[in-house]
Amino acid sequence: MMALNRFKLKHLVKQKNKSAIRANKLLQRPDRLLGIILIGNNFVNILAAALTTILCLRLFGDSGVLIGSIVLTMIILIFAEVTPKTFAANYSEKVALPSSIILKFLQKLLYPLVWIVNFFSNSLLKMFGVKEKKSDDDLSPEELKSVLENSGDLIHARYQEMLLSILELDKISIDEVMIPKNEIIGIDISKDIDDIGNFLKNSKKEFFPIFDQNIDDIKGIINLYGINSFLSSKEKDTDCLMENSEEVYFALENTALNIQLNNFQQDKKRVAVVLDEYGSVKGMVDINDILEEIVGELSDPHEKVKIDIKEQKDGSYLIDASISVREVNKRLGWDLPLSGPKTLNGLILENTETIPEANISLEVEDYLIETILIKDNMIKYAKVTKLKSPDLNEEEFD
């Protein structure tokens, strides 16, 4: 009964399995369940001991007590304890569910005796400050992750990965998945309206921010529907462009992805401009960026393939330094520090404490990082090698 998988049991209860419902009710009060089991168990063992003692005394005299004790101990251990209980533990569902009928019957038949035993037992526990604890089968997110990770072939590896990704959303902030400010492609309304029209006509993106000369001065967001409406209008001017755009929707950089996904759903939005703590534009995020964290990268037939991590012949990796550290860890199975900067570029700059004028190499924990290309005060590419940990020998433990 105690070895039953509680989650399988709950599943069977939902399916209206009578034996499972009965077993589940018994497990709601483990003190009563243990009471009835141990009353029967101890009664049989003590009765067997008494009968064996009487029998052995008649057969062997005074030495029969010792002989009977040894023989009965072996018989009980093998045939009444270890063997059946090991079998029951290995096949708990097959044994416990049918046995619940007998246990339920005995619990009703011997209720007064069970009540007396439980009364004194619980009273004794209260004297020592032990309070009765209700069974709690609820799992924390970390425990649920462990269940998923150890589910084996019961859950397809792809689905397992997606479920684990959902549970990790609360640990990932927007600024780890957003489009950085320097990579935002938008529409500058200070430019010629015909050039803007041609740009929109040839573009395949689903949305663009509209700004006036500076990306920090965002006026609105135009989506695919707005673009089509603007291109189909007779008079194309700045006012028409703004009429077909949406009001800017803002999000803070440290917002967790699970919260932002919920915000998108509640506010019926798909795109947000990400602000830092000072209210300045830091980047943009859309709902697809969050969904990619769950289902993996979504293909875009109009987007050029960007290789951000490429393995080298020597076992190192050439990495686009704008990629997030968390993404590198996820894809390569590494454990680069996540407590500081979000990107590889930021991680390097934090450890050098300056913007390098020429390519450098440095060690960050168990990783050797070599800058490959530095441009516009940013590290564009870096070569990263995971250093092998030295083998520990016996002398190091002495």
Protein backbone atom coordinates (compact mmCIF):
# COMPACT_ATOMS: atom_id res chain seq x y z
CA MET A 1 0.00 0.00 0.00
CA MET A 2 2.79 2.42 0.92
CA ALA A 3 4.77 1.59 -2.22
CA LEU A 4 1.89 2.52 -4.52
CA ASN A 5 2.70 5.20 -7.08
CA ARG A 6 0.42 8.01 -5.90
CA PHE A 7 0.23 9.62 -9.34
CA LYS A 8 -0.77 6.38 -11.04
CA LEU A 9 -3.29 5.87 -8.25
CA LYS A 10 -4.80 9.32 -8.84
CA HIS A 11 -5.00 8.55 -12.55
CA LEU A 12 -6.90 5.33 -11.82
CA VAL A 13 -9.20 7.20 -9.43
CA LYS A 14 -10.05 9.65 -12.24
CA GLN A 15 -10.89 6.64 -14.40
CA LYS A 16 -13.38 5.50 -11.72
CA ASN A 17 -11.45 2.33 -10.84
CA LYS A 18 -13.22 1.00 -7.73
CA SER A 19 -10.15 -0.68 -6.23
CA ALA A 20 -8.10 2.48 -6.75
CA ILE A 21 -10.80 4.62 -5.11
CA ARG A 22 -10.88 2.24 -2.14
CA ALA A 23 -7.06 2.19 -1.82
CA ASN A 24 -6.90 5.98 -2.11
CA LYS A 25 -9.41 6.39 0.74
CA LEU A 26 -7.38 4.03 2.93
CA LEU A 27 -4.22 6.04 2.23
CA GLN A 28 -5.94 9.28 3.27
CA ARG A 29 -5.57 8.08 6.89
CA PRO A 30 -2.21 6.25 7.04
CA ASP A 31 -2.48 5.95 10.85
CA ARG A 32 -5.65 3.87 10.56
CA LEU A 33 -4.24 1.86 7.64
CA LEU A 34 -1.05 1.05 9.54
CA GLY A 35 -3.14 0.29 12.61
CA ILE A 36 -5.18 -2.42 10.94
CA ILE A 37 -2.17 -3.90 9.09
CA LEU A 38 0.05 -4.03 12.16
CA ILE A 39 -2.71 -5.35 14.42
CA GLY A 40 -3.14 -8.32 12.11
CA ASN A 41 0.58 -8.71 11.51
CA ASN A 42 1.56 -8.65 15.17
CA PHE A 43 -1.37 -10.84 16.25
CA VAL A 44 -0.36 -13.58 13.81
CA ASN A 45 3.35 -13.35 14.73
CA ILE A 46 2.70 -13.42 18.49
CA LEU A 47 0.20 -16.26 18.13
CA ALA A 48 2.69 -18.21 16.02
CA ALA A 49 5.40 -17.61 18.63
CA ALA A 50 3.15 -18.82 21.46
CA LEU A 51 2.08 -21.97 19.60
CA THR A 52 5.66 -22.75 18.54
CA THR A 53 6.91 -22.33 22.12
CA ILE A 54 4.28 -24.73 23.47
CA LEU A 55 4.98 -27.27 20.71
CA CYS A 56 8.78 -27.13 21.10
CA LEU A 57 8.60 -27.37 24.89
CA ARG A 58 6.65 -30.61 24.55
CA LEU A 59 9.01 -31.99 21.90
CA PHE A 60 12.42 -30.80 23.15
CA GLY A 61 11.90 -29.74 26.73
CA ASP A 62 13.53 -26.56 28.05
CA SER A 63 15.86 -26.29 25.05
CA GLY A 64 12.78 -26.12 22.85
CA VAL A 65 12.39 -22.39 23.56
CA LEU A 66 15.69 -21.60 21.83
CA ILE A 67 15.09 -24.06 19.01
CA GLY A 68 11.56 -22.76 18.44
CA SER A 69 12.74 -19.13 18.45
CA ILE A 70 15.43 -19.81 15.82
CA VAL A 71 13.16 -21.91 13.57
CA LEU A 72 10.19 -19.55 13.82
CA THR A 73 12.36 -16.46 13.22
CA MET A 74 13.67 -17.97 9.98
CA ILE A 75 10.20 -19.08 8.87
CA ILE A 76 8.64 -15.68 9.58
CA LEU A 77 11.50 -13.74 7.95
CA ILE A 78 11.50 -15.83 4.79
CA PHE A 79 7.82 -16.71 4.33
CA ALA A 80 6.00 -13.87 6.11
CA GLU A 81 8.26 -10.83 5.86
CA VAL A 82 11.09 -10.54 3.31
CA THR A 83 9.75 -12.67 0.44
CA PRO A 84 6.09 -11.48 0.34
CA LYS A 85 6.95 -7.87 1.13
CA THR A 86 9.66 -7.72 -1.53
CA PHE A 87 7.22 -9.19 -4.03
CA ALA A 88 4.52 -6.70 -2.96
CA ALA A 89 6.93 -3.76 -3.20
CA ASN A 90 7.88 -4.78 -6.74
CA TYR A 91 4.27 -5.35 -7.79
CA SER A 92 2.56 -2.90 -5.48
CA GLU A 93 -0.34 -2.11 -7.80
CA LYS A 94 -1.21 -5.77 -8.45
CA VAL A 95 -1.08 -6.61 -4.74
CA ALA A 96 -2.42 -3.45 -3.09
CA LEU A 97 -5.54 -2.85 -5.17
CA PRO A 98 -7.11 -6.31 -4.60
CA SER A 99 -5.89 -6.29 -0.97
CA SER A 100 -7.75 -3.02 -0.35
CA ILE A 101 -11.01 -5.05 -0.24
CA ILE A 102 -9.72 -7.14 2.68
CA LEU A 103 -8.19 -4.14 4.46
CA LYS A 104 -11.43 -2.16 4.13
CA PHE A 105 -13.41 -5.06 5.56
CA LEU A 106 -10.98 -5.58 8.47
CA GLN A 107 -10.96 -1.84 9.18
CA LYS A 108 -14.72 -1.88 9.65
CA LEU A 109 -14.71 -5.18 11.58
CA LEU A 110 -11.95 -4.17 13.99
CA TYR A 111 -12.76 -0.44 14.09
CA PRO A 112 -12.99 -0.20 17.94
CA LEU A 113 -9.59 -1.86 18.35
CA VAL A 114 -8.05 0.29 15.59
CA TRP A 115 -9.50 3.44 17.19
CA ILE A 116 -8.01 2.55 20.60
CA VAL A 117 -4.57 1.84 19.13
CA ASN A 118 -4.62 5.06 17.07
CA PHE A 119 -5.84 7.10 20.06
CA PHE A 120 -2.94 6.08 22.28
CA SER A 121 -0.43 6.23 19.43
CA ASN A 122 -1.48 9.72 18.32
CA SER A 123 -1.63 10.93 21.93
CA LEU A 124 1.92 9.73 22.51
CA LEU A 125 3.09 11.53 19.37
CA LYS A 126 1.40 14.76 20.51
CA MET A 127 3.23 14.52 23.84
CA PHE A 128 6.50 14.66 21.88
CA GLY A 129 5.26 17.61 19.82
CA VAL A 130 4.61 15.60 16.66
CA LYS A 131 1.51 16.92 14.91
CA GLU A 132 -0.64 14.90 12.57
CA LYS A 133 0.28 15.73 9.01
CA LYS A 134 -2.14 15.37 6.16
CA SER A 135 -0.86 13.56 3.10
CA ASP A 136 0.41 16.03 0.52
CA ASP A 137 1.13 14.66 -2.93
CA ASP A 138 1.52 18.05 -4.61
CA LEU A 139 4.80 18.56 -6.45
CA SER A 140 6.95 21.67 -6.56
CA PRO A 141 8.24 22.79 -10.00
CA GLU A 142 11.69 21.36 -9.17
CA GLU A 143 10.18 18.01 -8.15
CA LEU A 144 8.07 17.94 -11.30
CA LYS A 145 11.23 18.53 -13.36
CA SER A 146 12.84 15.54 -11.68
CA VAL A 147 9.78 13.42 -12.49
CA LEU A 148 9.94 14.47 -16.15
CA GLU A 149 13.69 13.95 -16.39
CA ASN A 150 13.32 10.42 -15.00
CA SER A 151 10.24 9.48 -17.00
CA GLY A 152 12.35 7.44 -19.44
CA ASP A 153 10.45 6.22 -22.50
CA LEU A 154 7.05 6.99 -20.96
CA ILE A 155 7.21 10.50 -22.43
CA HIS A 156 8.69 11.16 -25.87
CA ALA A 157 12.03 12.98 -25.60
CA ARG A 158 10.73 15.91 -27.68
CA TYR A 159 7.66 16.38 -25.48
CA GLN A 160 9.79 15.96 -22.38
CA GLU A 161 12.08 18.76 -23.56
CA MET A 162 9.09 21.03 -24.25
CA LEU A 163 7.55 20.40 -20.84
CA LEU A 164 10.87 21.09 -19.12
CA SER A 165 11.20 24.30 -21.14
CA ILE A 166 7.78 25.45 -19.90
CA LEU A 167 8.88 24.90 -16.31
CA GLU A 168 12.03 26.94 -16.98
CA LEU A 169 10.18 30.00 -18.31
CA ASP A 170 10.07 31.64 -14.89
CA LYS A 171 13.88 31.60 -14.77
CA ILE A 172 14.37 33.33 -18.12
CA SER A 173 13.89 37.08 -18.51
CA ILE A 174 12.87 39.00 -21.61
CA ASP A 175 16.31 40.48 -22.20
CA GLU A 176 17.69 36.98 -22.79
CA VAL A 177 15.47 36.32 -25.83
CA MET A 178 14.70 39.80 -27.17
CA ILE A 179 16.02 41.42 -30.36
CA PRO A 180 18.76 43.79 -29.08
CA LYS A 181 18.39 47.50 -29.78
CA ASN A 182 21.26 47.54 -32.29
CA GLU A 183 19.58 44.78 -34.36
CA ILE A 184 16.10 46.32 -34.53
CA ILE A 185 14.94 47.05 -38.06
CA GLY A 186 12.36 49.82 -38.08
CA ILE A 187 10.78 52.58 -40.12
CA ASP A 188 12.11 56.12 -39.80
CA ILE A 189 9.21 58.47 -40.59
CA SER A 190 11.66 61.31 -41.27
CA LYS A 191 12.60 59.56 -44.54
CA ASP A 192 10.80 59.85 -47.87
CA ILE A 193 7.39 58.17 -47.81
CA ASP A 194 7.99 56.50 -51.19
CA ASP A 195 11.17 54.88 -49.87
CA ILE A 196 9.19 53.69 -46.84
CA GLY A 197 6.51 52.24 -49.13
CA ASN A 198 9.09 50.37 -51.26
CA PHE A 199 10.77 49.07 -48.13
CA LEU A 200 7.49 47.71 -46.74
CA LYS A 201 6.53 46.23 -50.11
CA ASN A 202 9.77 44.23 -50.35
CA SER A 203 9.93 43.21 -46.69
CA LYS A 204 8.58 39.93 -45.38
CA LYS A 205 8.66 40.71 -41.65
CA GLU A 206 5.42 40.67 -39.65
CA PHE A 207 5.97 43.91 -37.75
CA PHE A 208 8.13 47.04 -37.63
CA PRO A 209 8.59 49.77 -35.03
CA ILE A 210 7.97 53.27 -36.31
CA PHE A 211 10.35 55.94 -34.97
CA ASP A 212 11.43 59.49 -35.70
CA GLN A 213 15.18 59.55 -36.48
CA ASN A 214 16.11 57.81 -33.22
CA ILE A 215 15.00 54.33 -32.20
CA ASP A 216 14.45 55.63 -28.65
CA ASP A 217 11.62 57.78 -30.03
CA ILE A 218 9.24 55.00 -31.05
CA LYS A 219 5.86 56.28 -32.25
CA GLY A 220 4.08 53.01 -32.89
CA ILE A 221 4.21 49.44 -34.19
CA ILE A 222 2.91 48.46 -37.60
CA ASN A 223 1.99 44.81 -38.16
CA LEU A 224 1.33 42.82 -41.31
CA TYR A 225 -2.33 43.87 -41.45
CA GLY A 226 -1.37 47.53 -41.06
CA ILE A 227 1.33 47.22 -43.73
CA ASN A 228 -1.17 45.78 -46.24
CA SER A 229 -3.70 48.52 -45.41
CA PHE A 230 -1.06 51.22 -45.87
CA LEU A 231 0.19 49.80 -49.18
CA SER A 232 -3.36 49.49 -50.53
CA SER A 233 -4.33 53.07 -49.60
CA LYS A 234 -4.46 55.72 -52.35
CA GLU A 235 -2.78 58.51 -50.42
CA LYS A 236 0.41 57.30 -48.78
CA ASP A 237 1.78 59.73 -46.26
CA THR A 238 3.08 59.77 -42.70
CA ASP A 239 -0.41 60.28 -41.25
CA CYS A 240 -1.70 57.24 -43.17
CA LEU A 241 1.23 55.19 -41.91
CA MET A 242 0.51 56.20 -38.30
CA GLU A 243 -3.22 55.52 -38.69
CA ASN A 244 -2.45 51.93 -39.64
CA SER A 245 -0.04 51.42 -36.75
CA GLU A 246 -0.73 50.29 -33.20
CA GLU A 247 0.06 51.96 -29.93
CA VAL A 248 3.44 50.95 -28.53
CA TYR A 249 3.24 48.17 -25.95
CA PHE A 250 6.06 48.22 -23.39
CA ALA A 251 7.66 45.54 -21.22
CA LEU A 252 10.43 45.70 -18.63
CA GLU A 253 13.72 43.91 -19.31
CA ASN A 254 13.69 41.73 -16.18
CA THR A 255 10.17 40.37 -16.70
CA ALA A 256 10.11 36.56 -16.64
CA LEU A 257 8.93 34.88 -19.84
CA ASN A 258 6.01 33.11 -18.17
CA ILE A 259 4.71 36.47 -16.91
CA GLN A 260 5.24 38.19 -20.25
CA LEU A 261 3.47 35.37 -22.10
CA ASN A 262 0.53 35.81 -19.76
CA ASN A 263 0.66 39.60 -20.34
CA PHE A 264 0.58 39.08 -24.11
CA GLN A 265 -2.47 36.84 -23.74
CA GLN A 266 -4.34 39.16 -21.38
CA ASP A 267 -3.61 42.35 -23.35
CA LYS A 268 -4.03 40.62 -26.73
CA LYS A 269 -0.64 41.79 -27.96
CA ARG A 270 2.12 40.05 -29.89
CA VAL A 271 4.99 42.55 -29.78
CA ALA A 272 6.51 44.60 -26.97
CA VAL A 273 9.25 47.23 -26.82
CA VAL A 274 11.61 46.32 -23.99
CA LEU A 275 12.71 49.10 -21.65
CA ASP A 276 15.59 49.11 -19.19
CA GLU A 277 15.42 50.45 -15.63
CA TYR A 278 15.91 54.03 -16.90
CA GLY A 279 13.06 53.83 -19.40
CA SER A 280 15.32 53.64 -22.45
CA VAL A 281 14.66 51.25 -25.31
CA LYS A 282 16.75 48.09 -24.89
CA GLY A 283 15.20 45.86 -27.52
CA MET A 284 12.01 44.25 -28.81
CA VAL A 285 10.33 40.94 -28.09
CA ASP A 286 7.44 39.21 -29.79
CA ILE A 287 5.41 36.20 -28.80
CA ASN A 288 7.35 33.95 -31.18
CA ASP A 289 10.55 34.61 -29.22
CA ILE A 290 8.86 33.14 -26.14
CA LEU A 291 7.30 30.22 -28.02
CA GLU A 292 10.73 29.33 -29.41
CA GLU A 293 11.90 28.77 -25.85
CA ILE A 294 9.24 26.07 -25.55
CA VAL A 295 9.09 24.38 -28.95
CA GLY A 296 12.53 25.28 -30.31
CA GLU A 297 13.47 27.56 -33.14
CA LEU A 298 10.61 28.41 -35.51
CA SER A 299 11.67 28.41 -39.15
CA ASP A 300 11.15 31.52 -41.24
CA PRO A 301 11.44 30.95 -45.01
CA HIS A 302 12.15 34.65 -45.55
CA GLU A 303 14.89 34.91 -42.96
CA LYS A 304 18.49 34.19 -43.81
CA VAL A 305 19.98 31.26 -41.95
CA LYS A 306 22.30 32.54 -39.25
CA ILE A 307 24.89 30.15 -37.88
CA ASP A 308 25.65 31.43 -34.38
CA ILE A 309 27.51 28.36 -33.05
CA LYS A 310 29.90 26.41 -35.25
CA GLU A 311 32.10 23.57 -34.11
CA GLN A 312 35.77 23.70 -35.12
CA LYS A 313 38.11 20.82 -35.93
CA ASP A 314 40.06 21.26 -32.69
CA GLY A 315 36.91 20.76 -30.59
CA SER A 316 36.37 24.46 -29.90
CA TYR A 317 33.34 26.45 -31.00
CA LEU A 318 33.14 29.68 -32.99
CA ILE A 319 30.27 31.60 -31.40
CA ASP A 320 28.44 34.80 -32.28
CA ALA A 321 29.08 36.86 -29.14
CA SER A 322 25.60 38.40 -29.24
CA ILE A 323 24.03 35.03 -28.38
CA SER A 324 22.82 34.58 -24.81
CA VAL A 325 24.98 32.62 -22.38
CA ARG A 326 21.95 30.55 -21.42
CA GLU A 327 21.43 29.54 -25.09
CA VAL A 328 25.09 28.46 -25.35
CA ASN A 329 24.71 26.34 -22.20
CA LYS A 330 21.49 24.81 -23.47
CA ARG A 331 22.79 23.86 -26.90
CA LEU A 332 26.25 22.68 -25.90
CA GLY A 333 25.47 21.26 -22.45
CA TRP A 334 27.89 23.71 -20.82
CA ASP A 335 27.67 25.58 -17.54
CA LEU A 336 28.98 29.07 -18.25
CA PRO A 337 28.05 31.45 -15.40
CA LEU A 338 24.50 32.82 -15.66
CA SER A 339 24.50 35.11 -12.64
CA GLY A 340 26.04 38.07 -14.48
CA PRO A 341 25.69 39.35 -18.07
CA LYS A 342 23.15 37.71 -20.35
CA THR A 343 25.25 37.55 -23.56
CA LEU A 344 28.66 36.09 -24.33
CA ASN A 345 29.84 39.58 -25.29
CA GLY A 346 28.76 40.88 -21.88
CA LEU A 347 30.43 37.96 -20.11
CA ILE A 348 33.76 38.68 -21.80
CA LEU A 349 33.57 42.43 -21.11
CA GLU A 350 32.70 41.81 -17.46
CA ASN A 351 35.78 39.65 -16.99
CA THR A 352 38.14 41.97 -18.90
CA GLU A 353 36.60 45.07 -17.24
CA THR A 354 37.40 47.03 -20.40
CA ILE A 355 36.68 47.01 -24.13
CA PRO A 356 39.70 45.24 -25.69
CA GLU A 357 41.39 47.08 -28.53
CA ALA A 358 42.89 43.87 -29.93
CA ASN A 359 41.96 40.20 -29.73
CA ILE A 360 42.59 38.64 -26.34
CA SER A 361 42.15 35.31 -24.59
CA LEU A 362 40.93 34.68 -21.07
CA GLU A 363 39.73 31.87 -18.85
CA VAL A 364 36.24 31.98 -17.35
CA GLU A 365 35.85 29.13 -14.90
CA ASP A 366 36.49 25.96 -16.99
CA TYR A 367 36.35 27.68 -20.38
CA LEU A 368 39.01 29.33 -22.56
CA ILE A 369 37.56 32.26 -24.52
CA GLU A 370 39.44 33.88 -27.40
CA THR A 371 38.02 36.94 -29.16
CA ILE A 372 38.05 36.66 -32.96
CA LEU A 373 36.42 39.88 -34.17
CA ILE A 374 35.95 43.18 -32.33
CA LYS A 375 33.96 45.91 -34.05
CA ASP A 376 32.14 49.06 -32.93
CA ASN A 377 33.18 48.53 -29.30
CA MET A 378 31.56 45.11 -29.35
CA ILE A 379 32.93 41.60 -29.56
CA LYS A 380 31.31 40.07 -32.63
CA TYR A 381 32.77 36.57 -32.57
CA ALA A 382 34.66 34.50 -30.03
CA LYS A 383 36.25 31.08 -29.98
CA VAL A 384 35.35 29.10 -26.85
CA THR A 385 36.97 25.87 -25.69
CA LYS A 386 35.88 23.81 -22.73
CA LEU A 387 38.95 22.94 -20.69
CA LYS A 388 39.29 19.38 -19.48
CA SER A 389 39.18 19.03 -15.71
CA PRO A 390 42.35 17.45 -14.28
CA ASP A 391 41.91 13.83 -13.22
CA LEU A 392 41.87 13.40 -9.46
CA ASN A 393 44.19 10.69 -8.22
CA GLU A 394 44.29 8.91 -4.91
CA GLU A 395 47.10 11.13 -3.56
CA GLU A 396 44.82 14.18 -3.74
CA PHE A 397 42.39 12.48 -1.39
CA ASP A 398 45.04 11.48 1.18
